[in-house]
Amino acid sequence: RKIQEAVLSFVLERRASKKEIFELYVNEIYLGQVGSFN
């Protein structure tokens, strides 16, 4: 899985800019649960 992650990451960096990847990351990352909401 780690090798697959590295390969996919290399491909993704060829398909999207650094800013877009960072933007996707900070919008998708799980940051806890409050009440019944993720």
PDB file of all heavy atoms in Angstrom:
ATOM      1  N   ARG A   1       0.824  -1.197   0.000  1.00  0.00           N
ATOM      2  CA  ARG A   1       0.000   0.000   0.000  1.00  0.00           C
ATOM      3  C   ARG A   1       0.867   1.260   0.000  1.00  0.00           C
ATOM      4  O   ARG A   1       0.557   2.243  -0.678  1.00  0.00           O
ATOM      5  CB  ARG A   1      -0.930  -0.009   1.219  1.00  0.00           C
ATOM      6  CG  ARG A   1      -1.778   1.251   1.397  1.00  0.00           C
ATOM      7  CD  ARG A   1      -2.648   1.551   0.181  1.00  0.00           C
ATOM      8  NE  ARG A   1      -3.667   0.552   0.019  1.00  0.00           N
ATOM      9  CZ  ARG A   1      -4.877   0.626   0.571  1.00  0.00           C
ATOM     10  NH1 ARG A   1      -5.198   1.660   1.319  1.00  0.00           N
ATOM     11  NH2 ARG A   1      -5.756  -0.314   0.344  1.00  0.00           N
ATOM     12  N   LYS A   2       1.979   1.243   0.745  1.00  0.00           N
ATOM     13  CA  LYS A   2       2.865   2.396   0.789  1.00  0.00           C
ATOM     14  C   LYS A   2       3.460   2.679  -0.588  1.00  0.00           C
ATOM     15  O   LYS A   2       3.601   3.836  -1.001  1.00  0.00           O
ATOM     16  CB  LYS A   2       3.977   2.177   1.814  1.00  0.00           C
ATOM     17  CG  LYS A   2       3.523   2.244   3.260  1.00  0.00           C
ATOM     18  CD  LYS A   2       3.021   3.636   3.611  1.00  0.00           C
ATOM     19  CE  LYS A   2       2.588   3.736   5.068  1.00  0.00           C
ATOM     20  NZ  LYS A   2       2.045   5.082   5.386  1.00  0.00           N
ATOM     21  N   ILE A   3       3.833   1.621  -1.311  1.00  0.00           N
ATOM     22  CA  ILE A   3       4.365   1.793  -2.661  1.00  0.00           C
ATOM     23  C   ILE A   3       3.293   2.368  -3.575  1.00  0.00           C
ATOM     24  O   ILE A   3       3.549   3.270  -4.383  1.00  0.00           O
ATOM     25  CB  ILE A   3       4.899   0.449  -3.203  1.00  0.00           C
ATOM     26  CG1 ILE A   3       6.097  -0.005  -2.379  1.00  0.00           C
ATOM     27  CG2 ILE A   3       5.262   0.570  -4.679  1.00  0.00           C
ATOM     28  CD1 ILE A   3       6.600  -1.386  -2.743  1.00  0.00           C
ATOM     29  N   GLN A   4       2.061   1.859  -3.434  1.00  0.00           N
ATOM     30  CA  GLN A   4       0.962   2.357  -4.246  1.00  0.00           C
ATOM     31  C   GLN A   4       0.683   3.829  -3.945  1.00  0.00           C
ATOM     32  O   GLN A   4       0.406   4.624  -4.852  1.00  0.00           O
ATOM     33  CB  GLN A   4      -0.293   1.524  -4.013  1.00  0.00           C
ATOM     34  CG  GLN A   4      -1.427   1.825  -4.988  1.00  0.00           C
ATOM     35  CD  GLN A   4      -2.638   0.945  -4.759  1.00  0.00           C
ATOM     36  OE1 GLN A   4      -2.760   0.289  -3.720  1.00  0.00           O
ATOM     37  NE2 GLN A   4      -3.543   0.922  -5.728  1.00  0.00           N
ATOM     38  N   GLU A   5       0.757   4.198  -2.655  1.00  0.00           N
ATOM     39  CA  GLU A   5       0.575   5.599  -2.280  1.00  0.00           C
ATOM     40  C   GLU A   5       1.619   6.486  -2.945  1.00  0.00           C
ATOM     41  O   GLU A   5       1.301   7.574  -3.465  1.00  0.00           O
ATOM     42  CB  GLU A   5       0.673   5.758  -0.755  1.00  0.00           C
ATOM     43  CG  GLU A   5      -0.522   5.239   0.018  1.00  0.00           C
ATOM     44  CD  GLU A   5      -0.304   5.360   1.507  1.00  0.00           C
ATOM     45  OE1 GLU A   5       0.681   6.040   1.915  1.00  0.00           O
ATOM     46  OE2 GLU A   5      -1.081   4.785   2.283  1.00  0.00           O
ATOM     47  N   ALA A   6       2.884   6.033  -2.939  1.00  0.00           N
ATOM     48  CA  ALA A   6       3.966   6.820  -3.528  1.00  0.00           C
ATOM     49  C   ALA A   6       3.764   6.992  -5.026  1.00  0.00           C
ATOM     50  O   ALA A   6       3.957   8.091  -5.573  1.00  0.00           O
ATOM     51  CB  ALA A   6       5.310   6.153  -3.238  1.00  0.00           C
ATOM     52  N   VAL A   7       3.368   5.915  -5.723  1.00  0.00           N
ATOM     53  CA  VAL A   7       3.153   5.991  -7.171  1.00  0.00           C
ATOM     54  C   VAL A   7       1.988   6.928  -7.492  1.00  0.00           C
ATOM     55  O   VAL A   7       2.083   7.798  -8.362  1.00  0.00           O
ATOM     56  CB  VAL A   7       2.899   4.580  -7.755  1.00  0.00           C
ATOM     57  CG1 VAL A   7       2.505   4.686  -9.229  1.00  0.00           C
ATOM     58  CG2 VAL A   7       4.136   3.713  -7.598  1.00  0.00           C
ATOM     59  N   LEU A   8       0.873   6.754  -6.785  1.00  0.00           N
ATOM     60  CA  LEU A   8      -0.288   7.608  -7.018  1.00  0.00           C
ATOM     61  C   LEU A   8       0.024   9.068  -6.709  1.00  0.00           C
ATOM     62  O   LEU A   8      -0.448   9.981  -7.399  1.00  0.00           O
ATOM     63  CB  LEU A   8      -1.471   7.134  -6.186  1.00  0.00           C
ATOM     64  CG  LEU A   8      -2.174   5.859  -6.658  1.00  0.00           C
ATOM     65  CD1 LEU A   8      -3.173   5.377  -5.607  1.00  0.00           C
ATOM     66  CD2 LEU A   8      -2.890   6.088  -7.983  1.00  0.00           C
ATOM     67  N   SER A   9       0.822   9.301  -5.668  1.00  0.00           N
ATOM     68  CA  SER A   9       1.195  10.665  -5.308  1.00  0.00           C
ATOM     69  C   SER A   9       2.029  11.310  -6.406  1.00  0.00           C
ATOM     70  O   SER A   9       1.844  12.482  -6.747  1.00  0.00           O
ATOM     71  CB  SER A   9       1.969  10.677  -3.983  1.00  0.00           C
ATOM     72  OG  SER A   9       1.177  10.182  -2.928  1.00  0.00           O
ATOM     73  N   PHE A  10       2.961  10.533  -6.973  1.00  0.00           N
ATOM     74  CA  PHE A  10       3.787  11.033  -8.067  1.00  0.00           C
ATOM     75  C   PHE A  10       2.923  11.386  -9.277  1.00  0.00           C
ATOM     76  O   PHE A  10       3.107  12.429  -9.912  1.00  0.00           O
ATOM     77  CB  PHE A  10       4.839   9.987  -8.451  1.00  0.00           C
ATOM     78  CG  PHE A  10       5.773  10.430  -9.534  1.00  0.00           C
ATOM     79  CD1 PHE A  10       6.838  11.268  -9.253  1.00  0.00           C
ATOM     80  CD2 PHE A  10       5.581  10.019 -10.834  1.00  0.00           C
ATOM     81  CE1 PHE A  10       7.698  11.690 -10.261  1.00  0.00           C
ATOM     82  CE2 PHE A  10       6.431  10.428 -11.856  1.00  0.00           C
ATOM     83  CZ  PHE A  10       7.492  11.270 -11.565  1.00  0.00           C
ATOM     84  N   VAL A  11       1.947  10.517  -9.584  1.00  0.00           N
ATOM     85  CA  VAL A  11       1.046  10.780 -10.705  1.00  0.00           C
ATOM     86  C   VAL A  11       0.189  12.013 -10.427  1.00  0.00           C
ATOM     87  O   VAL A  11       0.003  12.882 -11.294  1.00  0.00           O
ATOM     88  CB  VAL A  11       0.143   9.559 -10.986  1.00  0.00           C
ATOM     89  CG1 VAL A  11      -0.880   9.878 -12.075  1.00  0.00           C
ATOM     90  CG2 VAL A  11       0.977   8.343 -11.379  1.00  0.00           C
ATOM     91  N   LEU A  12      -0.339  12.107  -9.210  1.00  0.00           N
ATOM     92  CA  LEU A  12      -1.197  13.241  -8.851  1.00  0.00           C
ATOM     93  C   LEU A  12      -0.454  14.557  -8.988  1.00  0.00           C
ATOM     94  O   LEU A  12      -1.024  15.552  -9.457  1.00  0.00           O
ATOM     95  CB  LEU A  12      -1.707  13.072  -7.411  1.00  0.00           C
ATOM     96  CG  LEU A  12      -2.585  14.208  -6.859  1.00  0.00           C
ATOM     97  CD1 LEU A  12      -3.834  14.385  -7.707  1.00  0.00           C
ATOM     98  CD2 LEU A  12      -2.964  13.939  -5.403  1.00  0.00           C
ATOM     99  N   GLU A  13       0.815  14.566  -8.602  1.00  0.00           N
ATOM    100  CA  GLU A  13       1.608  15.800  -8.699  1.00  0.00           C
ATOM    101  C   GLU A  13       1.833  16.213 -10.151  1.00  0.00           C
ATOM    102  O   GLU A  13       2.180  17.360 -10.425  1.00  0.00           O
ATOM    103  CB  GLU A  13       2.954  15.613  -7.985  1.00  0.00           C
ATOM    104  CG  GLU A  13       2.835  15.376  -6.494  1.00  0.00           C
ATOM    105  CD  GLU A  13       3.096  16.626  -5.675  1.00  0.00           C
ATOM    106  OE1 GLU A  13       3.368  17.679  -6.269  1.00  0.00           O
ATOM    107  OE2 GLU A  13       3.015  16.541  -4.434  1.00  0.00           O
ATOM    108  N   ARG A  14       1.685  15.273 -11.085  1.00  0.00           N
ATOM    109  CA  ARG A  14       1.794  15.616 -12.510  1.00  0.00           C
ATOM    110  C   ARG A  14       0.458  16.117 -13.054  1.00  0.00           C
ATOM    111  O   ARG A  14       0.403  16.697 -14.128  1.00  0.00           O
ATOM    112  CB  ARG A  14       2.227  14.398 -13.337  1.00  0.00           C
ATOM    113  CG  ARG A  14       3.388  13.580 -12.773  1.00  0.00           C
ATOM    114  CD  ARG A  14       4.752  14.197 -13.041  1.00  0.00           C
ATOM    115  NE  ARG A  14       5.126  15.261 -12.148  1.00  0.00           N
ATOM    116  CZ  ARG A  14       5.516  15.088 -10.875  1.00  0.00           C
ATOM    117  NH1 ARG A  14       5.514  13.894 -10.315  1.00  0.00           N
ATOM    118  NH2 ARG A  14       5.886  16.114 -10.147  1.00  0.00           N
ATOM    119  N   ARG A  15      -0.634  15.829 -12.351  1.00  0.00           N
ATOM    120  CA  ARG A  15      -1.974  16.155 -12.835  1.00  0.00           C
ATOM    121  C   ARG A  15      -2.560  17.412 -12.191  1.00  0.00           C
ATOM    122  O   ARG A  15      -3.512  17.993 -12.703  1.00  0.00           O
ATOM    123  CB  ARG A  15      -2.938  14.987 -12.555  1.00  0.00           C
ATOM    124  CG  ARG A  15      -2.601  13.714 -13.309  1.00  0.00           C
ATOM    125  CD  ARG A  15      -2.861  13.906 -14.811  1.00  0.00           C
ATOM    126  NE  ARG A  15      -2.907  12.664 -15.535  1.00  0.00           N
ATOM    127  CZ  ARG A  15      -1.850  12.092 -16.120  1.00  0.00           C
ATOM    128  NH1 ARG A  15      -0.659  12.690 -16.053  1.00  0.00           N
ATOM    129  NH2 ARG A  15      -1.967  10.961 -16.773  1.00  0.00           N
ATOM    130  N   ALA A  16      -2.062  17.794 -11.032  1.00  0.00           N
ATOM    131  CA  ALA A  16      -2.622  18.940 -10.303  1.00  0.00           C
ATOM    132  C   ALA A  16      -1.485  19.784  -9.741  1.00  0.00           C
ATOM    133  O   ALA A  16      -0.387  19.276  -9.475  1.00  0.00           O
ATOM    134  CB  ALA A  16      -3.543  18.473  -9.185  1.00  0.00           C
ATOM    135  N   SER A  17      -1.763  21.066  -9.558  1.00  0.00           N
ATOM    136  CA  SER A  17      -0.758  21.961  -8.986  1.00  0.00           C
ATOM    137  C   SER A  17      -0.641  21.733  -7.483  1.00  0.00           C
ATOM    138  O   SER A  17      -1.515  21.140  -6.851  1.00  0.00           O
ATOM    139  CB  SER A  17      -1.146  23.420  -9.252  1.00  0.00           C
ATOM    140  OG  SER A  17      -2.318  23.757  -8.517  1.00  0.00           O
ATOM    141  N   LYS A  18       0.462  22.211  -6.939  1.00  0.00           N
ATOM    142  CA  LYS A  18       0.672  22.089  -5.494  1.00  0.00           C
ATOM    143  C   LYS A  18      -0.447  22.802  -4.726  1.00  0.00           C
ATOM    144  O   LYS A  18      -0.958  22.286  -3.723  1.00  0.00           O
ATOM    145  CB  LYS A  18       2.025  22.682  -5.111  1.00  0.00           C
ATOM    146  CG  LYS A  18       3.231  21.847  -5.506  1.00  0.00           C
ATOM    147  CD  LYS A  18       3.378  20.645  -4.603  1.00  0.00           C
ATOM    148  CE  LYS A  18       4.691  19.923  -4.867  1.00  0.00           C
ATOM    149  NZ  LYS A  18       4.872  18.755  -3.970  1.00  0.00           N
ATOM    150  N   LYS A  19      -0.846  23.972  -5.185  1.00  0.00           N
ATOM    151  CA  LYS A  19      -1.890  24.722  -4.487  1.00  0.00           C
ATOM    152  C   LYS A  19      -3.220  23.966  -4.509  1.00  0.00           C
ATOM    153  O   LYS A  19      -3.951  23.948  -3.517  1.00  0.00           O
ATOM    154  CB  LYS A  19      -2.054  26.103  -5.118  1.00  0.00           C
ATOM    155  CG  LYS A  19      -0.925  27.069  -4.786  1.00  0.00           C
ATOM    156  CD  LYS A  19      -1.224  28.462  -5.328  1.00  0.00           C
ATOM    157  CE  LYS A  19      -0.141  29.454  -4.933  1.00  0.00           C
ATOM    158  NZ  LYS A  19      -0.433  30.814  -5.438  1.00  0.00           N
ATOM    159  N   GLU A  20      -3.535  23.328  -5.655  1.00  0.00           N
ATOM    160  CA  GLU A  20      -4.800  22.586  -5.730  1.00  0.00           C
ATOM    161  C   GLU A  20      -4.772  21.379  -4.813  1.00  0.00           C
ATOM    162  O   GLU A  20      -5.768  21.074  -4.137  1.00  0.00           O
ATOM    163  CB  GLU A  20      -5.073  22.140  -7.166  1.00  0.00           C
ATOM    164  CG  GLU A  20      -6.417  21.436  -7.311  1.00  0.00           C
ATOM    165  CD  GLU A  20      -6.731  20.992  -8.720  1.00  0.00           C
ATOM    166  OE1 GLU A  20      -5.825  21.040  -9.578  1.00  0.00           O
ATOM    167  OE2 GLU A  20      -7.883  20.577  -8.954  1.00  0.00           O
ATOM    168  N   ILE A  21      -3.643  20.677  -4.747  1.00  0.00           N
ATOM    169  CA  ILE A  21      -3.527  19.515  -3.860  1.00  0.00           C
ATOM    170  C   ILE A  21      -3.678  19.953  -2.408  1.00  0.00           C
ATOM    171  O   ILE A  21      -4.390  19.318  -1.615  1.00  0.00           O
ATOM    172  CB  ILE A  21      -2.182  18.794  -4.068  1.00  0.00           C
ATOM    173  CG1 ILE A  21      -2.127  18.185  -5.468  1.00  0.00           C
ATOM    174  CG2 ILE A  21      -1.976  17.712  -3.017  1.00  0.00           C
ATOM    175  CD1 ILE A  21      -0.768  17.646  -5.851  1.00  0.00           C
ATOM    176  N   PHE A  22      -3.021  21.051  -2.036  1.00  0.00           N
ATOM    177  CA  PHE A  22      -3.134  21.552  -0.670  1.00  0.00           C
ATOM    178  C   PHE A  22      -4.573  21.946  -0.369  1.00  0.00           C
ATOM    179  O   PHE A  22      -5.096  21.660   0.709  1.00  0.00           O
ATOM    180  CB  PHE A  22      -2.205  22.751  -0.469  1.00  0.00           C
ATOM    181  CG  PHE A  22      -2.016  23.152   0.965  1.00  0.00           C
ATOM    182  CD1 PHE A  22      -0.947  22.670   1.694  1.00  0.00           C
ATOM    183  CD2 PHE A  22      -2.916  24.001   1.600  1.00  0.00           C
ATOM    184  CE1 PHE A  22      -0.774  23.024   3.027  1.00  0.00           C
ATOM    185  CE2 PHE A  22      -2.762  24.363   2.919  1.00  0.00           C
ATOM    186  CZ  PHE A  22      -1.684  23.874   3.638  1.00  0.00           C
ATOM    187  N   GLU A  23      -5.225  22.589  -1.320  1.00  0.00           N
ATOM    188  CA  GLU A  23      -6.624  23.002  -1.148  1.00  0.00           C
ATOM    189  C   GLU A  23      -7.533  21.793  -0.955  1.00  0.00           C
ATOM    190  O   GLU A  23      -8.387  21.782  -0.058  1.00  0.00           O
ATOM    191  CB  GLU A  23      -7.059  23.802  -2.372  1.00  0.00           C
ATOM    192  CG  GLU A  23      -8.500  24.282  -2.341  1.00  0.00           C
ATOM    193  CD  GLU A  23      -8.884  25.005  -3.621  1.00  0.00           C
ATOM    194  OE1 GLU A  23      -8.223  26.020  -3.930  1.00  0.00           O
ATOM    195  OE2 GLU A  23      -9.823  24.560  -4.315  1.00  0.00           O
ATOM    196  N   LEU A  24      -7.359  20.758  -1.780  1.00  0.00           N
ATOM    197  CA  LEU A  24      -8.154  19.542  -1.632  1.00  0.00           C
ATOM    198  C   LEU A  24      -7.906  18.897  -0.272  1.00  0.00           C
ATOM    199  O   LEU A  24      -8.833  18.422   0.388  1.00  0.00           O
ATOM    200  CB  LEU A  24      -7.814  18.554  -2.751  1.00  0.00           C
ATOM    201  CG  LEU A  24      -8.277  18.936  -4.164  1.00  0.00           C
ATOM    202  CD1 LEU A  24      -7.644  18.007  -5.188  1.00  0.00           C
ATOM    203  CD2 LEU A  24      -9.802  18.875  -4.269  1.00  0.00           C
ATOM    204  N   TYR A  25      -6.653  18.899   0.147  1.00  0.00           N
ATOM    205  CA  TYR A  25      -6.271  18.275   1.423  1.00  0.00           C
ATOM    206  C   TYR A  25      -6.962  18.948   2.604  1.00  0.00           C
ATOM    207  O   TYR A  25      -7.584  18.282   3.439  1.00  0.00           O
ATOM    208  CB  TYR A  25      -4.751  18.350   1.576  1.00  0.00           C
ATOM    209  CG  TYR A  25      -4.215  17.796   2.870  1.00  0.00           C
ATOM    210  CD1 TYR A  25      -3.963  16.438   3.024  1.00  0.00           C
ATOM    211  CD2 TYR A  25      -3.928  18.639   3.948  1.00  0.00           C
ATOM    212  CE1 TYR A  25      -3.453  15.929   4.206  1.00  0.00           C
ATOM    213  CE2 TYR A  25      -3.418  18.139   5.127  1.00  0.00           C
ATOM    214  CZ  TYR A  25      -3.188  16.786   5.258  1.00  0.00           C
ATOM    215  OH  TYR A  25      -2.689  16.296   6.439  1.00  0.00           O
ATOM    216  N   VAL A  26      -6.883  20.291   2.684  1.00  0.00           N
ATOM    217  CA  VAL A  26      -7.440  20.978   3.859  1.00  0.00           C
ATOM    218  C   VAL A  26      -8.962  20.980   3.844  1.00  0.00           C
ATOM    219  O   VAL A  26      -9.583  21.226   4.881  1.00  0.00           O
ATOM    220  CB  VAL A  26      -6.906  22.426   3.973  1.00  0.00           C
ATOM    221  CG1 VAL A  26      -5.406  22.439   4.173  1.00  0.00           C
ATOM    222  CG2 VAL A  26      -7.297  23.261   2.768  1.00  0.00           C
ATOM    223  N   ASN A  27      -9.575  20.705   2.690  1.00  0.00           N
ATOM    224  CA  ASN A  27     -11.036  20.619   2.631  1.00  0.00           C
ATOM    225  C   ASN A  27     -11.556  19.215   2.911  1.00  0.00           C
ATOM    226  O   ASN A  27     -12.727  19.045   3.260  1.00  0.00           O
ATOM    227  CB  ASN A  27     -11.547  21.089   1.268  1.00  0.00           C
ATOM    228  CG  ASN A  27     -11.582  22.597   1.140  1.00  0.00           C
ATOM    229  OD1 ASN A  27     -12.134  23.283   1.990  1.00  0.00           O
ATOM    230  ND2 ASN A  27     -10.956  23.127   0.106  1.00  0.00           N
ATOM    231  N   GLU A  28     -10.714  18.194   2.754  1.00  0.00           N
ATOM    232  CA  GLU A  28     -11.146  16.809   2.941  1.00  0.00           C
ATOM    233  C   GLU A  28     -10.772  16.235   4.300  1.00  0.00           C
ATOM    234  O   GLU A  28     -11.413  15.310   4.781  1.00  0.00           O
ATOM    235  CB  GLU A  28     -10.534  15.917   1.846  1.00  0.00           C
ATOM    236  CG  GLU A  28     -11.099  16.138   0.461  1.00  0.00           C
ATOM    237  CD  GLU A  28     -12.507  15.601   0.305  1.00  0.00           C
ATOM    238  OE1 GLU A  28     -12.903  14.721   1.094  1.00  0.00           O
ATOM    239  OE2 GLU A  28     -13.220  16.069  -0.606  1.00  0.00           O
ATOM    240  N   ILE A  29      -9.749  16.770   4.941  1.00  0.00           N
ATOM    241  CA  ILE A  29      -9.184  16.140   6.133  1.00  0.00           C
ATOM    242  C   ILE A  29     -10.209  16.060   7.265  1.00  0.00           C
ATOM    243  O   ILE A  29     -10.950  17.018   7.533  1.00  0.00           O
ATOM    244  CB  ILE A  29      -7.917  16.911   6.597  1.00  0.00           C
ATOM    245  CG1 ILE A  29      -7.112  16.084   7.593  1.00  0.00           C
ATOM    246  CG2 ILE A  29      -8.270  18.270   7.144  1.00  0.00           C
ATOM    247  CD1 ILE A  29      -6.430  14.913   6.977  1.00  0.00           C
ATOM    248  N   TYR A  30     -10.270  14.908   7.918  1.00  0.00           N
ATOM    249  CA  TYR A  30     -11.190  14.694   9.047  1.00  0.00           C
ATOM    250  C   TYR A  30     -10.610  15.347  10.295  1.00  0.00           C
ATOM    251  O   TYR A  30      -9.443  15.132  10.649  1.00  0.00           O
ATOM    252  CB  TYR A  30     -11.373  13.189   9.266  1.00  0.00           C
ATOM    253  CG  TYR A  30     -12.131  12.823  10.524  1.00  0.00           C
ATOM    254  CD1 TYR A  30     -13.488  13.092  10.650  1.00  0.00           C
ATOM    255  CD2 TYR A  30     -11.484  12.204  11.592  1.00  0.00           C
ATOM    256  CE1 TYR A  30     -14.182  12.753  11.799  1.00  0.00           C
ATOM    257  CE2 TYR A  30     -12.166  11.853  12.743  1.00  0.00           C
ATOM    258  CZ  TYR A  30     -13.517  12.134  12.846  1.00  0.00           C
ATOM    259  OH  TYR A  30     -14.197  11.802  13.992  1.00  0.00           O
ATOM    260  N   LEU A  31     -11.426  16.152  10.982  1.00  0.00           N
ATOM    261  CA  LEU A  31     -10.952  16.893  12.151  1.00  0.00           C
ATOM    262  C   LEU A  31     -11.877  16.719  13.353  1.00  0.00           C
ATOM    263  O   LEU A  31     -12.153  17.659  14.090  1.00  0.00           O
ATOM    264  CB  LEU A  31     -10.794  18.378  11.813  1.00  0.00           C
ATOM    265  CG  LEU A  31      -9.605  18.703  10.888  1.00  0.00           C
ATOM    266  CD1 LEU A  31      -9.643  20.157  10.444  1.00  0.00           C
ATOM    267  CD2 LEU A  31      -8.281  18.408  11.584  1.00  0.00           C
ATOM    268  N   GLY A  32     -12.352  15.492  13.553  1.00  0.00           N
ATOM    269  CA  GLY A  32     -13.076  15.191  14.778  1.00  0.00           C
ATOM    270  C   GLY A  32     -14.575  15.116  14.595  1.00  0.00           C
ATOM    271  O   GLY A  32     -15.112  15.226  13.495  1.00  0.00           O
ATOM    272  N   GLN A  33     -15.243  14.944  15.712  1.00  0.00           N
ATOM    273  CA  GLN A  33     -16.692  14.790  15.726  1.00  0.00           C
ATOM    274  C   GLN A  33     -17.264  15.617  16.861  1.00  0.00           C
ATOM    275  O   GLN A  33     -16.731  15.650  17.970  1.00  0.00           O
ATOM    276  CB  GLN A  33     -17.081  13.323  15.902  1.00  0.00           C
ATOM    277  CG  GLN A  33     -18.580  13.067  15.814  1.00  0.00           C
ATOM    278  CD  GLN A  33     -18.906  11.582  15.760  1.00  0.00           C
ATOM    279  OE1 GLN A  33     -18.017  10.747  15.766  1.00  0.00           O
ATOM    280  NE2 GLN A  33     -20.175  11.267  15.718  1.00  0.00           N
ATOM    281  N   VAL A  34     -18.355  16.307  16.558  1.00  0.00           N
ATOM    282  CA  VAL A  34     -19.075  17.074  17.570  1.00  0.00           C
ATOM    283  C   VAL A  34     -20.534  16.669  17.485  1.00  0.00           C
ATOM    284  O   VAL A  34     -21.167  16.822  16.437  1.00  0.00           O
ATOM    285  CB  VAL A  34     -18.920  18.588  17.351  1.00  0.00           C
ATOM    286  CG1 VAL A  34     -19.768  19.353  18.350  1.00  0.00           C
ATOM    287  CG2 VAL A  34     -17.462  18.999  17.483  1.00  0.00           C
ATOM    288  N   GLY A  35     -21.056  16.131  18.577  1.00  0.00           N
ATOM    289  CA  GLY A  35     -22.422  15.617  18.540  1.00  0.00           C
ATOM    290  C   GLY A  35     -22.505  14.460  17.569  1.00  0.00           C
ATOM    291  O   GLY A  35     -21.705  13.530  17.612  1.00  0.00           O
ATOM    292  N   SER A  36     -23.469  14.521  16.652  1.00  0.00           N
ATOM    293  CA  SER A  36     -23.640  13.452  15.684  1.00  0.00           C
ATOM    294  C   SER A  36     -23.016  13.789  14.331  1.00  0.00           C
ATOM    295  O   SER A  36     -23.228  13.076  13.357  1.00  0.00           O
ATOM    296  CB  SER A  36     -25.145  13.178  15.491  1.00  0.00           C
ATOM    297  OG  SER A  36     -25.815  14.367  15.084  1.00  0.00           O
ATOM    298  N   PHE A  37     -22.231  14.870  14.272  1.00  0.00           N
ATOM    299  CA  PHE A  37     -21.645  15.311  13.015  1.00  0.00           C
ATOM    300  C   PHE A  37     -20.148  15.007  12.957  1.00  0.00           C
ATOM    301  O   PHE A  37     -19.412  15.245  13.919  1.00  0.00           O
ATOM    302  CB  PHE A  37     -21.823  16.816  12.836  1.00  0.00           C
ATOM    303  CG  PHE A  37     -23.194  17.232  12.382  1.00  0.00           C
ATOM    304  CD1 PHE A  37     -24.143  17.616  13.306  1.00  0.00           C
ATOM    305  CD2 PHE A  37     -23.525  17.227  11.047  1.00  0.00           C
ATOM    306  CE1 PHE A  37     -25.404  18.009  12.902  1.00  0.00           C
ATOM    307  CE2 PHE A  37     -24.787  17.617  10.629  1.00  0.00           C
ATOM    308  CZ  PHE A  37     -25.736  18.006  11.553  1.00  0.00           C
ATOM    309  N   ASN A  38     -19.690  14.497  11.797  1.00  0.00           N
ATOM    310  CA  ASN A  38     -18.273  14.443  11.491  1.00  0.00           C
ATOM    311  C   ASN A  38     -17.853  15.787  10.927  1.00  0.00           C
ATOM    312  O   ASN A  38     -18.552  16.366  10.096  1.00  0.00           O
ATOM    313  CB  ASN A  38     -17.970  13.345  10.470  1.00  0.00           C
ATOM    314  CG  ASN A  38     -18.137  11.960  11.055  1.00  0.00           C
ATOM    315  OD1 ASN A  38     -17.973  11.759  12.253  1.00  0.00           O
ATOM    316  ND2 ASN A  38     -18.478  11.006  10.215  1.00  0.00           N
TER     317      ASN A  38
END
